[in-house]
N, C-alpha and C. Protein backbone atom coordinates (compact mmCIF):
# COMPACT_ATOMS: atom_id res chain seq x y z
N MET A 1 164.66 85.63 91.06
CA MET A 1 164.95 84.36 91.60
C MET A 1 165.52 84.48 93.06
N ILE A 2 166.06 85.56 93.42
CA ILE A 2 166.74 85.70 94.67
C ILE A 2 165.72 86.31 95.64
N THR A 3 164.79 87.16 95.27
CA THR A 3 163.91 87.85 96.17
C THR A 3 162.69 86.98 96.42
N LYS A 4 161.99 87.35 97.53
CA LYS A 4 160.75 86.62 97.86
C LYS A 4 159.63 86.89 96.79
N PRO A 5 158.74 85.91 96.59
CA PRO A 5 157.64 86.27 95.72
C PRO A 5 156.72 87.31 96.33
N ILE A 6 156.05 88.11 95.52
CA ILE A 6 155.24 89.17 96.02
C ILE A 6 153.80 88.86 95.97
N THR A 7 153.40 87.70 95.47
CA THR A 7 152.09 87.24 95.37
C THR A 7 151.65 86.53 96.60
N LEU A 8 150.33 86.48 96.94
CA LEU A 8 149.79 85.76 98.04
C LEU A 8 149.03 84.54 97.60
N ASN A 9 148.97 83.52 98.38
CA ASN A 9 148.17 82.37 98.13
C ASN A 9 146.72 82.66 98.68
N PHE A 10 145.99 83.45 97.89
CA PHE A 10 144.64 83.79 98.26
C PHE A 10 143.76 82.59 98.08
N PRO A 11 142.79 82.27 98.99
CA PRO A 11 142.31 82.95 100.10
C PRO A 11 143.01 82.56 101.49
N GLU A 12 143.98 81.74 101.36
CA GLU A 12 144.54 81.32 102.71
C GLU A 12 145.33 82.54 103.26
N GLU A 13 146.08 83.23 102.49
CA GLU A 13 146.84 84.42 102.85
C GLU A 13 146.04 85.66 102.36
N ARG A 14 145.92 86.65 103.25
CA ARG A 14 145.19 87.83 102.87
C ARG A 14 145.96 89.08 103.18
N GLU A 15 145.83 90.10 102.26
CA GLU A 15 146.43 91.35 102.49
C GLU A 15 145.85 92.11 103.64
N VAL A 16 146.62 92.71 104.45
CA VAL A 16 146.11 93.47 105.60
C VAL A 16 145.78 94.86 105.11
N ALA A 17 144.53 95.29 105.37
CA ALA A 17 144.11 96.64 104.99
C ALA A 17 144.72 97.72 105.85
N LEU A 18 145.05 98.82 105.18
CA LEU A 18 145.64 99.95 105.90
C LEU A 18 144.65 100.66 106.80
N ASP A 19 145.12 101.46 107.76
CA ASP A 19 144.25 102.11 108.69
C ASP A 19 143.13 102.98 108.05
N ASN A 20 143.50 103.61 107.03
CA ASN A 20 142.54 104.56 106.38
C ASN A 20 141.77 103.96 105.24
N TYR A 21 141.79 102.62 105.09
CA TYR A 21 141.06 101.96 104.00
C TYR A 21 139.56 102.04 104.27
N ARG A 22 138.79 102.12 103.23
CA ARG A 22 137.37 102.27 103.28
C ARG A 22 136.76 101.04 102.49
N GLY A 23 136.18 100.14 103.19
CA GLY A 23 135.63 98.98 102.53
C GLY A 23 134.06 98.98 102.65
N ILE A 24 133.54 97.81 102.76
CA ILE A 24 132.08 97.60 102.67
C ILE A 24 131.48 98.23 103.97
N HIS A 25 130.31 98.79 103.79
CA HIS A 25 129.60 99.49 104.90
C HIS A 25 129.04 98.43 105.93
N LYS A 26 128.94 98.95 107.18
CA LYS A 26 128.31 98.20 108.23
C LYS A 26 127.22 99.11 108.85
N LEU A 27 126.11 98.54 109.08
CA LEU A 27 125.00 99.32 109.64
C LEU A 27 124.52 98.66 110.93
N ASP A 28 124.45 99.50 111.97
CA ASP A 28 123.89 99.12 113.25
C ASP A 28 122.40 99.48 113.23
N MET A 29 121.48 98.52 112.98
CA MET A 29 120.10 98.79 112.76
C MET A 29 119.39 99.30 114.08
N LYS A 30 119.97 98.93 115.16
CA LYS A 30 119.39 99.36 116.45
C LYS A 30 119.58 100.81 116.78
N THR A 31 120.63 101.41 116.37
CA THR A 31 120.91 102.83 116.59
C THR A 31 120.54 103.76 115.46
N CYS A 32 120.12 103.17 114.30
CA CYS A 32 119.76 104.03 113.17
C CYS A 32 118.41 104.76 113.54
N ILE A 33 118.44 106.06 113.28
CA ILE A 33 117.21 106.82 113.60
C ILE A 33 116.43 107.22 112.32
N SER A 34 116.76 106.67 111.21
CA SER A 34 116.09 106.81 109.94
C SER A 34 116.06 108.31 109.54
N CYS A 35 117.11 109.06 109.77
CA CYS A 35 117.09 110.47 109.40
C CYS A 35 117.30 110.71 107.93
N GLY A 36 117.93 109.81 107.23
CA GLY A 36 118.17 109.89 105.79
C GLY A 36 119.30 110.82 105.34
N ALA A 37 120.06 111.25 106.34
CA ALA A 37 121.18 112.15 106.03
C ALA A 37 122.14 111.47 105.12
N CYS A 38 122.43 110.12 105.31
CA CYS A 38 123.34 109.42 104.49
C CYS A 38 122.93 109.38 103.01
N ALA A 39 121.63 109.26 102.74
CA ALA A 39 121.04 109.23 101.38
C ALA A 39 121.16 110.60 100.77
N ARG A 40 120.94 111.63 101.54
CA ARG A 40 121.01 113.01 100.96
C ARG A 40 122.42 113.48 100.62
N ILE A 41 123.41 113.02 101.40
CA ILE A 41 124.84 113.50 101.19
C ILE A 41 125.48 112.73 100.16
N CYS A 42 125.04 111.54 99.76
CA CYS A 42 125.76 110.65 98.79
C CYS A 42 125.86 111.25 97.40
N PRO A 43 127.06 111.53 96.89
CA PRO A 43 127.24 112.16 95.60
C PRO A 43 126.77 111.30 94.42
N ASN A 44 126.72 110.06 94.59
CA ASN A 44 126.28 109.16 93.47
C ASN A 44 124.90 108.63 93.60
N GLN A 45 124.18 109.16 94.66
CA GLN A 45 122.80 108.65 95.03
C GLN A 45 122.83 107.09 95.06
N THR A 46 123.83 106.56 95.75
CA THR A 46 124.05 105.20 96.01
C THR A 46 123.12 104.65 97.07
N ILE A 47 122.74 105.49 97.96
CA ILE A 47 121.98 105.06 99.23
C ILE A 47 120.54 105.44 98.95
N GLU A 48 119.66 104.55 99.26
CA GLU A 48 118.17 104.77 99.17
C GLU A 48 117.56 104.30 100.47
N MET A 49 116.71 105.10 101.04
CA MET A 49 116.02 104.74 102.23
C MET A 49 114.87 103.80 101.88
N VAL A 50 114.85 102.60 102.45
CA VAL A 50 113.77 101.62 102.17
C VAL A 50 113.13 101.12 103.46
N ASP A 51 111.89 100.70 103.31
CA ASP A 51 111.15 100.15 104.51
C ASP A 51 111.78 98.81 104.98
N THR A 52 112.01 98.68 106.19
CA THR A 52 112.66 97.45 106.74
C THR A 52 111.83 97.06 108.01
N PRO A 53 111.58 95.75 108.08
CA PRO A 53 110.80 95.29 109.25
C PRO A 53 111.71 95.25 110.46
N THR A 54 111.30 95.81 111.60
CA THR A 54 112.10 95.76 112.87
C THR A 54 111.21 95.23 113.96
N ASP A 55 111.69 95.22 115.14
CA ASP A 55 110.95 94.76 116.32
C ASP A 55 109.72 95.64 116.58
N LYS A 56 109.91 96.94 116.21
CA LYS A 56 108.81 97.83 116.54
C LYS A 56 108.02 98.32 115.27
N GLY A 57 107.98 97.42 114.22
CA GLY A 57 107.24 97.66 113.07
C GLY A 57 108.18 98.02 111.89
N GLN A 58 107.71 98.80 110.94
CA GLN A 58 108.47 99.21 109.78
C GLN A 58 109.35 100.45 110.15
N LYS A 59 110.51 100.57 109.55
CA LYS A 59 111.41 101.64 109.77
C LYS A 59 112.21 101.83 108.46
N LYS A 60 112.42 103.10 108.18
CA LYS A 60 113.21 103.44 106.94
C LYS A 60 114.67 103.27 107.28
N MET A 61 115.44 102.42 106.48
CA MET A 61 116.82 102.25 106.69
C MET A 61 117.62 102.33 105.37
N PRO A 62 118.93 102.58 105.40
CA PRO A 62 119.56 102.76 104.18
C PRO A 62 119.91 101.42 103.43
N GLN A 63 119.64 101.37 102.12
CA GLN A 63 119.98 100.35 101.26
C GLN A 63 121.11 100.87 100.31
N ILE A 64 122.21 100.12 100.20
CA ILE A 64 123.34 100.70 99.51
C ILE A 64 123.69 99.85 98.19
N ASN A 65 123.84 100.48 97.14
CA ASN A 65 124.34 99.89 95.86
C ASN A 65 125.81 99.92 95.80
N LEU A 66 126.51 98.93 96.19
CA LEU A 66 128.01 98.94 96.16
C LEU A 66 128.56 99.12 94.80
N GLU A 67 127.81 98.81 93.75
CA GLU A 67 128.27 98.90 92.39
C GLU A 67 128.54 100.35 91.99
N ARG A 68 127.83 101.34 92.57
CA ARG A 68 127.90 102.70 92.32
C ARG A 68 128.68 103.47 93.31
N CYS A 69 129.01 102.89 94.41
CA CYS A 69 129.63 103.56 95.58
C CYS A 69 131.06 104.01 95.33
N LEU A 70 131.41 105.26 95.74
CA LEU A 70 132.69 105.83 95.63
C LEU A 70 133.50 105.49 96.82
N PHE A 71 132.92 105.03 97.93
CA PHE A 71 133.64 104.76 99.24
C PHE A 71 134.27 106.06 99.65
N CYS A 72 133.59 107.13 99.59
CA CYS A 72 134.08 108.41 99.99
C CYS A 72 133.91 108.70 101.45
N ALA A 73 133.10 107.90 102.12
CA ALA A 73 132.79 108.02 103.51
C ALA A 73 132.05 109.30 104.03
N LEU A 74 131.41 109.96 103.08
CA LEU A 74 130.59 111.11 103.46
C LEU A 74 129.37 110.63 104.25
N CYS A 75 128.90 109.45 103.87
CA CYS A 75 127.72 108.89 104.67
C CYS A 75 128.12 108.63 106.13
N GLU A 76 129.29 108.17 106.28
CA GLU A 76 129.79 107.84 107.65
C GLU A 76 130.04 109.16 108.46
N GLU A 77 130.51 110.14 107.78
CA GLU A 77 130.77 111.40 108.49
C GLU A 77 129.53 112.11 108.95
N VAL A 78 128.45 112.02 108.10
CA VAL A 78 127.24 112.81 108.39
C VAL A 78 126.24 112.04 109.31
N CYS A 79 126.47 110.81 109.57
CA CYS A 79 125.59 110.02 110.41
C CYS A 79 125.64 110.53 111.86
N PRO A 80 124.51 111.01 112.38
CA PRO A 80 124.55 111.57 113.76
C PRO A 80 124.67 110.50 114.84
N THR A 81 124.33 109.27 114.58
CA THR A 81 124.42 108.23 115.63
C THR A 81 125.61 107.34 115.39
N ASP A 82 126.32 107.54 114.35
CA ASP A 82 127.48 106.66 114.02
C ASP A 82 127.06 105.24 113.79
N CYS A 83 125.85 105.05 113.28
CA CYS A 83 125.41 103.63 112.98
C CYS A 83 125.85 103.11 111.62
N LEU A 84 126.27 104.01 110.72
CA LEU A 84 126.74 103.57 109.41
C LEU A 84 128.26 103.83 109.39
N VAL A 85 129.10 102.81 109.26
CA VAL A 85 130.53 102.95 109.17
C VAL A 85 131.05 102.12 108.01
N LEU A 86 132.21 102.51 107.49
CA LEU A 86 132.96 101.71 106.44
C LEU A 86 133.88 100.85 107.16
N THR A 87 133.88 99.58 106.84
CA THR A 87 134.77 98.60 107.49
C THR A 87 136.09 98.44 106.63
N LYS A 88 136.89 97.52 107.07
CA LYS A 88 138.10 97.25 106.32
C LYS A 88 137.91 95.98 105.40
N ASN A 89 136.70 95.53 105.30
CA ASN A 89 136.34 94.37 104.51
C ASN A 89 136.43 94.76 102.97
N TYR A 90 137.38 94.13 102.24
CA TYR A 90 137.53 94.42 100.83
C TYR A 90 137.07 93.29 99.93
N GLU A 91 136.49 92.25 100.51
CA GLU A 91 136.12 91.16 99.69
C GLU A 91 134.64 91.22 99.35
N PHE A 92 134.34 91.69 98.19
CA PHE A 92 132.94 91.64 97.79
C PHE A 92 132.96 91.37 96.24
N GLU A 93 132.65 90.16 95.92
CA GLU A 93 132.62 89.82 94.48
C GLU A 93 131.27 89.06 94.26
N ALA A 94 130.87 89.11 93.07
CA ALA A 94 129.55 88.51 92.69
C ALA A 94 129.56 88.11 91.20
N TYR A 95 128.71 87.10 90.94
CA TYR A 95 128.53 86.73 89.56
C TYR A 95 127.36 87.45 88.95
N ASP A 96 126.54 88.03 89.77
CA ASP A 96 125.37 88.75 89.36
C ASP A 96 125.35 90.15 90.02
N ARG A 97 125.06 91.16 89.13
CA ARG A 97 125.15 92.54 89.61
C ARG A 97 124.14 92.83 90.70
N ARG A 98 123.05 92.13 90.77
CA ARG A 98 122.05 92.27 91.74
C ARG A 98 122.57 92.02 93.19
N ASN A 99 123.65 91.24 93.24
CA ASN A 99 124.25 91.00 94.60
C ASN A 99 124.99 92.19 95.21
N PHE A 100 125.24 93.22 94.47
CA PHE A 100 125.94 94.41 94.97
C PHE A 100 124.91 95.34 95.61
N LEU A 101 123.64 95.06 95.51
CA LEU A 101 122.59 95.85 96.16
C LEU A 101 122.40 95.30 97.53
N LYS A 102 122.82 96.05 98.49
CA LYS A 102 122.82 95.45 99.95
C LYS A 102 121.68 96.12 100.71
N ARG A 103 120.75 95.30 101.12
CA ARG A 103 119.62 95.64 101.93
C ARG A 103 120.16 95.95 103.40
N PRO A 104 119.39 96.69 104.14
CA PRO A 104 119.87 97.00 105.55
C PRO A 104 120.25 95.79 106.33
N GLU A 105 119.47 94.71 106.22
CA GLU A 105 119.79 93.42 106.98
C GLU A 105 121.12 92.81 106.45
N ASP A 106 121.52 93.16 105.27
CA ASP A 106 122.79 92.52 104.70
C ASP A 106 124.01 93.25 105.20
N LEU A 107 123.80 94.46 105.78
CA LEU A 107 124.92 95.29 106.12
C LEU A 107 125.37 95.14 107.59
N LYS A 108 125.31 93.89 108.11
CA LYS A 108 125.68 93.63 109.47
C LYS A 108 127.18 93.39 109.62
């Protein structure tokens, strides 16, 4: 009764993510060179290279299944162009499991 409440009025108030927090992936489609290193290094085989339409035709880009992701950041470390990074975004909820499968164009 004397101390402040420790709960937040979500979504008006949000918790601030720490500096080393690993959240949802972000992909820069312009700098991705389609090397597939992120898909090869992923321990859970969460990343799959899929054909994606771009300005210059079709290009293989990473599709990520967040439902299986460990958020270990190995994909971020191995990326030679730093086009795949983990953000501080921790809000990903869905009523349908298929919404956790993020196509390259969803990772902006």
